[in-house]
């Protein structure tokens, strides 16, 4: 009797919600029109890369509370290591 092998991913599970898809879609549209800007309150320059537009769309979706997984390179880990370095250097002097 042959047994079915289960795939490592869960079937039927959405990683990103519909709201996330909509915000990425609107960010891409704004990039095409040339109105998408980077930085807080759009103070940065025009966004030209596709990847940056997607990242902006996903971060906007996160702020709205849509189902979006946290970014892979989360800055939380890096901040803790710099705190340790600073505290170690303060104790030495």
PDB file of N, CA and C in Angstrom:
ATOM      1  N   UNK A   1       0.834  -1.187   0.000  1.00  0.00           N
ATOM      2  CA  UNK A   1       0.000   0.000   0.000  1.00  0.00           C
ATOM      3  C   UNK A   1       0.877   1.250   0.000  1.00  0.00           C
ATOM      4  N   UNK A   2       0.715   2.050  -0.996  1.00  0.00           N
ATOM      5  CA  UNK A   2       1.523   3.253  -1.122  1.00  0.00           C
ATOM      6  C   UNK A   2       0.968   4.360  -0.226  1.00  0.00           C
ATOM      7  N   UNK A   3       1.871   5.022   0.491  1.00  0.00           N
ATOM      8  CA  UNK A   3       1.433   6.128   1.364  1.00  0.00           C
ATOM      9  C   UNK A   3       1.796   7.453   0.718  1.00  0.00           C
ATOM     10  N   UNK A   4       0.941   8.422   0.945  1.00  0.00           N
ATOM     11  CA  UNK A   4       1.176   9.747   0.378  1.00  0.00           C
ATOM     12  C   UNK A   4       2.190  10.504   1.227  1.00  0.00           C
ATOM     13  N   UNK A   5       3.127  11.149   0.566  1.00  0.00           N
ATOM     14  CA  UNK A   5       4.090  11.976   1.296  1.00  0.00           C
ATOM     15  C   UNK A   5       3.489  13.359   1.477  1.00  0.00           C
ATOM     16  N   UNK A   6       3.570  13.854   2.700  1.00  0.00           N
ATOM     17  CA  UNK A   6       3.043  15.192   2.976  1.00  0.00           C
ATOM     18  C   UNK A   6       4.084  16.237   2.622  1.00  0.00           C
ATOM     19  N   UNK A   7       3.618  17.297   2.002  1.00  0.00           N
ATOM     20  CA  UNK A   7       4.537  18.388   1.679  1.00  0.00           C
ATOM     21  C   UNK A   7       4.796  19.200   2.946  1.00  0.00           C
ATOM     22  N   UNK A   8       5.959  19.839   3.046  1.00  0.00           N
ATOM     23  CA  UNK A   8       6.284  20.587   4.261  1.00  0.00           C
ATOM     24  C   UNK A   8       5.377  21.805   4.488  1.00  0.00           C
ATOM     25  N   UNK A   9       4.800  22.354   3.405  1.00  0.00           N
ATOM     26  CA  UNK A   9       3.905  23.499   3.542  1.00  0.00           C
ATOM     27  C   UNK A   9       2.484  23.053   3.809  1.00  0.00           C
ATOM     28  N   UNK A  10       1.778  23.799   4.621  1.00  0.00           N
ATOM     29  CA  UNK A  10       0.371  23.502   4.870  1.00  0.00           C
ATOM     30  C   UNK A  10      -0.434  23.876   3.639  1.00  0.00           C
ATOM     31  N   UNK A  11      -1.357  23.034   3.269  1.00  0.00           N
ATOM     32  CA  UNK A  11      -2.144  23.310   2.068  1.00  0.00           C
ATOM     33  C   UNK A  11      -3.311  24.235   2.407  1.00  0.00           C
ATOM     34  N   UNK A  12      -3.608  25.122   1.490  1.00  0.00           N
ATOM     35  CA  UNK A  12      -4.747  26.008   1.661  1.00  0.00           C
ATOM     36  C   UNK A  12      -4.528  27.171   2.606  1.00  0.00           C
ATOM     37  N   UNK A  13      -3.318  27.383   3.042  1.00  0.00           N
ATOM     38  CA  UNK A  13      -3.044  28.469   3.988  1.00  0.00           C
ATOM     39  C   UNK A  13      -2.471  29.660   3.250  1.00  0.00           C
ATOM     40  N   UNK A  14      -3.106  30.813   3.418  1.00  0.00           N
ATOM     41  CA  UNK A  14      -2.626  32.031   2.768  1.00  0.00           C
ATOM     42  C   UNK A  14      -1.605  32.709   3.653  1.00  0.00           C
ATOM     43  N   UNK A  15      -0.473  33.055   3.082  1.00  0.00           N
ATOM     44  CA  UNK A  15       0.544  33.769   3.850  1.00  0.00           C
ATOM     45  C   UNK A  15       0.201  35.242   3.967  1.00  0.00           C
ATOM     46  N   UNK A  16      -0.267  35.801   2.871  1.00  0.00           N
ATOM     47  CA  UNK A  16      -0.614  37.214   2.832  1.00  0.00           C
ATOM     48  C   UNK A  16      -2.118  37.345   2.659  1.00  0.00           C
ATOM     49  N   UNK A  17      -2.730  38.290   3.367  1.00  0.00           N
ATOM     50  CA  UNK A  17      -4.159  38.510   3.256  1.00  0.00           C
ATOM     51  C   UNK A  17      -4.517  39.295   2.005  1.00  0.00           C
ATOM     52  N   UNK A  18      -5.818  39.432   1.755  1.00  0.00           N
ATOM     53  CA  UNK A  18      -6.274  40.158   0.579  1.00  0.00           C
ATOM     54  C   UNK A  18      -5.939  41.644   0.695  1.00  0.00           C
ATOM     55  N   UNK A  19      -5.990  42.164   1.914  1.00  0.00           N
ATOM     56  CA  UNK A  19      -5.670  43.579   2.145  1.00  0.00           C
ATOM     57  C   UNK A  19      -4.241  43.901   1.758  1.00  0.00           C
ATOM     58  N   UNK A  20      -3.336  42.959   2.028  1.00  0.00           N
ATOM     59  CA  UNK A  20      -1.926  43.144   1.679  1.00  0.00           C
ATOM     60  C   UNK A  20      -1.779  43.211   0.168  1.00  0.00           C
ATOM     61  N   UNK A  21      -2.507  42.342  -0.520  1.00  0.00           N
ATOM     62  CA  UNK A  21      -2.457  42.310  -1.977  1.00  0.00           C
ATOM     63  C   UNK A  21      -2.938  43.637  -2.562  1.00  0.00           C
ATOM     64  N   UNK A  22      -4.002  44.176  -1.995  1.00  0.00           N
ATOM     65  CA  UNK A  22      -4.563  45.437  -2.485  1.00  0.00           C
ATOM     66  C   UNK A  22      -3.580  46.591  -2.289  1.00  0.00           C
ATOM     67  N   UNK A  23      -2.923  46.641  -1.123  1.00  0.00           N
ATOM     68  CA  UNK A  23      -2.007  47.756  -0.867  1.00  0.00           C
ATOM     69  C   UNK A  23      -0.753  47.671  -1.729  1.00  0.00           C
ATOM     70  N   UNK A  24      -0.275  46.466  -2.007  1.00  0.00           N
ATOM     71  CA  UNK A  24       0.880  46.293  -2.901  1.00  0.00           C
ATOM     72  C   UNK A  24       0.485  46.712  -4.309  1.00  0.00           C
ATOM     73  N   UNK A  25      -0.728  46.335  -4.698  1.00  0.00           N
ATOM     74  CA  UNK A  25      -1.236  46.681  -6.025  1.00  0.00           C
ATOM     75  C   UNK A  25      -1.300  48.201  -6.196  1.00  0.00           C
ATOM     76  N   UNK A  26      -1.802  48.898  -5.166  1.00  0.00           N
ATOM     77  CA  UNK A  26      -1.905  50.359  -5.265  1.00  0.00           C
ATOM     78  C   UNK A  26      -0.529  51.012  -5.257  1.00  0.00           C
ATOM     79  N   UNK A  27       0.410  50.433  -4.492  1.00  0.00           N
ATOM     80  CA  UNK A  27       1.777  50.967  -4.466  1.00  0.00           C
ATOM     81  C   UNK A  27       2.434  50.816  -5.833  1.00  0.00           C
ATOM     82  N   UNK A  28       2.200  49.688  -6.486  1.00  0.00           N
ATOM     83  CA  UNK A  28       2.760  49.463  -7.817  1.00  0.00           C
ATOM     84  C   UNK A  28       2.165  50.447  -8.829  1.00  0.00           C
ATOM     85  N   UNK A  29       0.875  50.710  -8.680  1.00  0.00           N
ATOM     86  CA  UNK A  29       0.212  51.662  -9.576  1.00  0.00           C
ATOM     87  C   UNK A  29       0.782  53.067  -9.378  1.00  0.00           C
ATOM     88  N   UNK A  30       1.007  53.435  -8.100  1.00  0.00           N
ATOM     89  CA  UNK A  30       1.591  54.755  -7.816  1.00  0.00           C
ATOM     90  C   UNK A  30       3.015  54.858  -8.343  1.00  0.00           C
ATOM     91  N   UNK A  31       3.754  53.742  -8.297  1.00  0.00           N
ATOM     92  CA  UNK A  31       5.125  53.740  -8.840  1.00  0.00           C
ATOM     93  C   UNK A  31       5.090  53.980 -10.338  1.00  0.00           C
ATOM     94  N   UNK A  32       4.150  53.322 -11.021  1.00  0.00           N
ATOM     95  CA  UNK A  32       4.042  53.482 -12.471  1.00  0.00           C
ATOM     96  C   UNK A  32       3.703  54.919 -12.852  1.00  0.00           C
ATOM     97  N   UNK A  33       2.825  55.541 -12.045  1.00  0.00           N
ATOM     98  CA  UNK A  33       2.449  56.931 -12.319  1.00  0.00           C
ATOM     99  C   UNK A  33       3.558  57.907 -11.949  1.00  0.00           C
ATOM    100  N   UNK A  34       4.460  57.459 -11.066  1.00  0.00           N
ATOM    101  CA  UNK A  34       5.555  58.320 -10.633  1.00  0.00           C
ATOM    102  C   UNK A  34       5.238  59.118  -9.392  1.00  0.00           C
ATOM    103  N   UNK A  35       4.191  58.702  -8.646  1.00  0.00           N
ATOM    104  CA  UNK A  35       3.813  59.441  -7.439  1.00  0.00           C
ATOM    105  C   UNK A  35       4.247  58.746  -6.152  1.00  0.00           C
ATOM    106  N   UNK A  36       4.788  57.526  -6.254  1.00  0.00           N
ATOM    107  CA  UNK A  36       5.234  56.799  -5.068  1.00  0.00           C
ATOM    108  C   UNK A  36       6.589  57.332  -4.630  1.00  0.00           C
ATOM    109  N   UNK A  37       6.659  57.731  -3.362  1.00  0.00           N
ATOM    110  CA  UNK A  37       7.901  58.282  -2.813  1.00  0.00           C
ATOM    111  C   UNK A  37       8.298  57.495  -1.580  1.00  0.00           C
ATOM    112  N   UNK A  38       9.604  57.436  -1.320  1.00  0.00           N
ATOM    113  CA  UNK A  38      10.102  56.673  -0.181  1.00  0.00           C
ATOM    114  C   UNK A  38      10.268  57.580   1.032  1.00  0.00           C
ATOM    115  N   UNK A  39      10.448  56.957   2.178  1.00  0.00           N
ATOM    116  CA  UNK A  39      10.688  57.699   3.410  1.00  0.00           C
ATOM    117  C   UNK A  39       9.410  58.104   4.109  1.00  0.00           C
ATOM    118  N   UNK A  40       9.580  58.661   5.317  1.00  0.00           N
ATOM    119  CA  UNK A  40       8.425  59.094   6.099  1.00  0.00           C
ATOM    120  C   UNK A  40       7.741  60.255   5.417  1.00  0.00           C
ATOM    121  N   UNK A  41       6.451  60.197   5.334  1.00  0.00           N
ATOM    122  CA  UNK A  41       5.591  61.202   4.688  1.00  0.00           C
ATOM    123  C   UNK A  41       6.060  61.579   3.284  1.00  0.00           C
ATOM    124  N   UNK A  42       6.704  60.659   2.600  1.00  0.00           N
ATOM    125  CA  UNK A  42       7.110  60.866   1.209  1.00  0.00           C
ATOM    126  C   UNK A  42       8.158  61.934   1.016  1.00  0.00           C
ATOM    127  N   UNK A  43       9.015  62.120   2.014  1.00  0.00           N
ATOM    128  CA  UNK A  43      10.062  63.151   1.908  1.00  0.00           C
ATOM    129  C   UNK A  43      11.250  62.686   1.087  1.00  0.00           C
ATOM    130  N   UNK A  44      11.345  61.371   0.866  1.00  0.00           N
ATOM    131  CA  UNK A  44      12.459  60.842   0.083  1.00  0.00           C
ATOM    132  C   UNK A  44      12.227  61.033  -1.400  1.00  0.00           C
ATOM    133  N   UNK A  45      13.079  60.407  -2.182  1.00  0.00           N
ATOM    134  CA  UNK A  45      12.973  60.543  -3.634  1.00  0.00           C
ATOM    135  C   UNK A  45      11.936  59.604  -4.231  1.00  0.00           C
ATOM    136  N   UNK A  46      11.800  59.682  -5.530  1.00  0.00           N
ATOM    137  CA  UNK A  46      10.872  58.827  -6.255  1.00  0.00           C
ATOM    138  C   UNK A  46      11.329  57.377  -6.178  1.00  0.00           C
ATOM    139  N   UNK A  47      10.372  56.480  -6.057  1.00  0.00           N
ATOM    140  CA  UNK A  47      10.679  55.051  -6.049  1.00  0.00           C
ATOM    141  C   UNK A  47      10.664  54.569  -7.489  1.00  0.00           C
ATOM    142  N   UNK A  48      11.762  53.952  -7.911  1.00  0.00           N
ATOM    143  CA  UNK A  48      11.862  53.465  -9.286  1.00  0.00           C
ATOM    144  C   UNK A  48      11.919  51.945  -9.353  1.00  0.00           C
ATOM    145  N   UNK A  49      12.385  51.308  -8.286  1.00  0.00           N
ATOM    146  CA  UNK A  49      12.525  49.846  -8.346  1.00  0.00           C
ATOM    147  C   UNK A  49      11.238  49.151  -7.923  1.00  0.00           C
ATOM    148  N   UNK A  50      10.993  48.042  -8.572  1.00  0.00           N
ATOM    149  CA  UNK A  50       9.805  47.228  -8.329  1.00  0.00           C
ATOM    150  C   UNK A  50       9.814  46.651  -6.914  1.00  0.00           C
ATOM    151  N   UNK A  51      10.992  46.183  -6.465  1.00  0.00           N
ATOM    152  CA  UNK A  51      11.125  45.563  -5.152  1.00  0.00           C
ATOM    153  C   UNK A  51      10.825  46.554  -4.041  1.00  0.00           C
ATOM    154  N   UNK A  52      11.289  47.784  -4.214  1.00  0.00           N
ATOM    155  CA  UNK A  52      11.060  48.809  -3.204  1.00  0.00           C
ATOM    156  C   UNK A  52       9.574  49.154  -3.126  1.00  0.00           C
ATOM    157  N   UNK A  53       8.900  49.171  -4.271  1.00  0.00           N
ATOM    158  CA  UNK A  53       7.461  49.460  -4.302  1.00  0.00           C
ATOM    159  C   UNK A  53       6.687  48.371  -3.573  1.00  0.00           C
ATOM    160  N   UNK A  54       7.087  47.127  -3.753  1.00  0.00           N
ATOM    161  CA  UNK A  54       6.433  46.011  -3.066  1.00  0.00           C
ATOM    162  C   UNK A  54       6.652  46.127  -1.562  1.00  0.00           C
ATOM    163  N   UNK A  55       7.874  46.455  -1.163  1.00  0.00           N
ATOM    164  CA  UNK A  55       8.186  46.594   0.262  1.00  0.00           C
ATOM    165  C   UNK A  55       7.365  47.707   0.897  1.00  0.00           C
ATOM    166  N   UNK A  56       7.205  48.811   0.202  1.00  0.00           N
ATOM    167  CA  UNK A  56       6.410  49.929   0.714  1.00  0.00           C
ATOM    168  C   UNK A  56       4.952  49.513   0.848  1.00  0.00           C
ATOM    169  N   UNK A  57       4.433  48.801  -0.160  1.00  0.00           N
ATOM    170  CA  UNK A  57       3.051  48.319  -0.112  1.00  0.00           C
ATOM    171  C   UNK A  57       2.813  47.382   1.056  1.00  0.00           C
ATOM    172  N   UNK A  58       3.766  46.490   1.321  1.00  0.00           N
ATOM    173  CA  UNK A  58       3.622  45.551   2.433  1.00  0.00           C
ATOM    174  C   UNK A  58       3.704  46.253   3.779  1.00  0.00           C
ATOM    175  N   UNK A  59       4.573  47.250   3.891  1.00  0.00           N
ATOM    176  CA  UNK A  59       4.670  47.961   5.165  1.00  0.00           C
ATOM    177  C   UNK A  59       3.413  48.787   5.433  1.00  0.00           C
ATOM    178  N   UNK A  60       2.815  49.329   4.368  1.00  0.00           N
ATOM    179  CA  UNK A  60       1.547  50.054   4.518  1.00  0.00           C
ATOM    180  C   UNK A  60       0.443  49.101   4.974  1.00  0.00           C
ATOM    181  N   UNK A  61       0.448  47.894   4.423  1.00  0.00           N
ATOM    182  CA  UNK A  61      -0.545  46.884   4.808  1.00  0.00           C
ATOM    183  C   UNK A  61      -0.364  46.488   6.264  1.00  0.00           C
ATOM    184  N   UNK A  62       0.905  46.359   6.708  1.00  0.00           N
ATOM    185  CA  UNK A  62       1.187  46.032   8.112  1.00  0.00           C
ATOM    186  C   UNK A  62       0.616  47.091   9.044  1.00  0.00           C
ATOM    187  N   UNK A  63       0.800  48.356   8.660  1.00  0.00           N
ATOM    188  CA  UNK A  63       0.293  49.462   9.482  1.00  0.00           C
ATOM    189  C   UNK A  63      -1.224  49.444   9.577  1.00  0.00           C
ATOM    190  N   UNK A  64      -1.877  49.029   8.481  1.00  0.00           N
ATOM    191  CA  UNK A  64      -3.348  48.948   8.463  1.00  0.00           C
ATOM    192  C   UNK A  64      -3.865  47.736   9.230  1.00  0.00           C
ATOM    193  N   UNK A  65      -2.978  46.792   9.512  1.00  0.00           N
ATOM    194  CA  UNK A  65      -3.378  45.597  10.260  1.00  0.00           C
ATOM    195  C   UNK A  65      -3.733  44.412   9.392  1.00  0.00           C
ATOM    196  N   UNK A  66      -3.307  44.404   8.146  1.00  0.00           N
ATOM    197  CA  UNK A  66      -3.577  43.281   7.247  1.00  0.00           C
ATOM    198  C   UNK A  66      -2.674  42.104   7.605  1.00  0.00           C
ATOM    199  N   UNK A  67      -3.040  40.933   7.129  1.00  0.00           N
ATOM    200  CA  UNK A  67      -2.253  39.734   7.419  1.00  0.00           C
ATOM    201  C   UNK A  67      -1.022  39.708   6.534  1.00  0.00           C
ATOM    202  N   UNK A  68       0.100  40.089   7.140  1.00  0.00           N
ATOM    203  CA  UNK A  68       1.381  40.121   6.430  1.00  0.00           C
ATOM    204  C   UNK A  68       2.435  39.564   7.378  1.00  0.00           C
ATOM    205  N   UNK A  69       3.227  38.575   6.962  1.00  0.00           N
ATOM    206  CA  UNK A  69       4.281  38.075   7.841  1.00  0.00           C
ATOM    207  C   UNK A  69       5.333  39.151   8.107  1.00  0.00           C
ATOM    208  N   UNK A  70       5.977  39.062   9.259  1.00  0.00           N
ATOM    209  CA  UNK A  70       6.989  40.058   9.606  1.00  0.00           C
ATOM    210  C   UNK A  70       8.169  39.955   8.657  1.00  0.00           C
ATOM    211  N   UNK A  71       8.890  41.070   8.427  1.00  0.00           N
ATOM    212  CA  UNK A  71      10.019  41.038   7.489  1.00  0.00           C
ATOM    213  C   UNK A  71      11.109  40.071   7.951  1.00  0.00           C
ATOM    214  N   UNK A  72      11.799  39.455   6.987  1.00  0.00           N
ATOM    215  CA  UNK A  72      12.825  38.453   7.316  1.00  0.00           C
ATOM    216  C   UNK A  72      13.979  39.071   8.091  1.00  0.00           C
ATOM    217  N   UNK A  73      14.531  40.143   7.590  1.00  0.00           N
ATOM    218  CA  UNK A  73      15.664  40.790   8.249  1.00  0.00           C
ATOM    219  C   UNK A  73      15.174  41.803   9.268  1.00  0.00           C
ATOM    220  N   UNK A  74      14.492  41.323  10.319  1.00  0.00           N
ATOM    221  CA  UNK A  74      13.905  42.248  11.286  1.00  0.00           C
ATOM    222  C   UNK A  74      15.005  42.995  12.023  1.00  0.00           C
ATOM    223  N   UNK A  75      14.790  44.269  12.254  1.00  0.00           N
ATOM    224  CA  UNK A  75      15.805  45.113  12.875  1.00  0.00           C
ATOM    225  C   UNK A  75      15.874  44.891  14.377  1.00  0.00           C
ATOM    226  N   UNK A  76      14.941  44.159  14.950  1.00  0.00           N
ATOM    227  CA  UNK A  76      14.925  43.898  16.386  1.00  0.00           C
ATOM    228  C   UNK A  76      16.161  43.157  16.864  1.00  0.00           C
ATOM    229  N   UNK A  77      16.621  42.208  16.070  1.00  0.00           N
ATOM    230  CA  UNK A  77      17.807  41.434  16.454  1.00  0.00           C
ATOM    231  C   UNK A  77      19.048  42.305  16.447  1.00  0.00           C
ATOM    232  N   UNK A  78      19.170  43.156  15.459  1.00  0.00           N
ATOM    233  CA  UNK A  78      20.367  43.988  15.337  1.00  0.00           C
ATOM    234  C   UNK A  78      20.449  45.009  16.461  1.00  0.00           C
ATOM    235  N   UNK A  79      19.316  45.557  16.863  1.00  0.00           N
ATOM    236  CA  UNK A  79      19.315  46.572  17.909  1.00  0.00           C
ATOM    237  C   UNK A  79      19.814  46.007  19.232  1.00  0.00           C
ATOM    238  N   UNK A  80      19.407  44.772  19.541  1.00  0.00           N
ATOM    239  CA  UNK A  80      19.811  44.180  20.805  1.00  0.00           C
ATOM    240  C   UNK A  80      21.321  43.946  20.858  1.00  0.00           C
ATOM    241  N   UNK A  81      21.915  43.573  19.723  1.00  0.00           N
ATOM    242  CA  UNK A  81      23.354  43.321  19.711  1.00  0.00           C
ATOM    243  C   UNK A  81      24.142  44.625  19.862  1.00  0.00           C
ATOM    244  N   UNK A  82      23.626  45.729  19.311  1.00  0.00           N
ATOM    245  CA  UNK A  82      24.329  46.999  19.452  1.00  0.00           C
ATOM    246  C   UNK A  82      24.222  47.507  20.883  1.00  0.00           C
ATOM    247  N   UNK A  83      23.102  47.220  21.541  1.00  0.00           N
ATOM    248  CA  UNK A  83      22.951  47.628  22.945  1.00  0.00           C
ATOM    249  C   UNK A  83      23.983  46.916  23.804  1.00  0.00           C
ATOM    250  N   UNK A  84      24.179  45.616  23.514  1.00  0.00           N
ATOM    251  CA  UNK A  84      25.161  44.857  24.290  1.00  0.00           C
ATOM    252  C   UNK A  84      26.558  45.407  24.084  1.00  0.00           C
ATOM    253  N   UNK A  85      26.878  45.772  22.842  1.00  0.00           N
ATOM    254  CA  UNK A  85      28.210  46.310  22.549  1.00  0.00           C
ATOM    255  C   UNK A  85      28.423  47.640  23.278  1.00  0.00           C
ATOM    256  N   UNK A  86      27.403  48.477  23.283  1.00  0.00           N
ATOM    257  CA  UNK A  86      27.519  49.785  23.934  1.00  0.00           C
ATOM    258  C   UNK A  86      27.684  49.634  25.445  1.00  0.00           C
ATOM    259  N   UNK A  87      26.887  48.747  26.047  1.00  0.00           N
ATOM    260  CA  UNK A  87      26.974  48.551  27.485  1.00  0.00           C
ATOM    261  C   UNK A  87      28.318  47.963  27.878  1.00  0.00           C
ATOM    262  N   UNK A  88      28.874  47.100  27.024  1.00  0.00           N
ATOM    263  CA  UNK A  88      30.185  46.499  27.292  1.00  0.00           C
ATOM    264  C   UNK A  88      31.284  47.550  27.211  1.00  0.00           C
ATOM    265  N   UNK A  89      31.177  48.456  26.246  1.00  0.00           N
ATOM    266  CA  UNK A  89      32.208  49.490  26.115  1.00  0.00           C
ATOM    267  C   UNK A  89      32.123  50.511  27.248  1.00  0.00           C
ATOM    268  N   UNK A  90      30.941  50.777  27.761  1.00  0.00           N
ATOM    269  CA  UNK A  90      30.763  51.711  28.880  1.00  0.00           C
ATOM    270  C   UNK A  90      31.367  51.143  30.173  1.00  0.00           C
ATOM    271  N   UNK A  91      31.188  49.840  30.367  1.00  0.00           N
ATOM    272  CA  UNK A  91      31.698  49.215  31.592  1.00  0.00           C
ATOM    273  C   UNK A  91      33.230  49.151  31.593  1.00  0.00           C
ATOM    274  N   UNK A  92      33.835  49.109  30.415  1.00  0.00           N
ATOM    275  CA  UNK A  92      35.301  49.042  30.329  1.00  0.00           C
ATOM    276  C   UNK A  92      35.966  50.368  30.693  1.00  0.00           C
ATOM    277  N   UNK A  93      35.342  51.473  30.325  1.00  0.00           N
ATOM    278  CA  UNK A  93      35.985  52.768  30.564  1.00  0.00           C
ATOM    279  C   UNK A  93      35.697  53.354  31.914  1.00  0.00           C
TER     280      UNK A  93
END
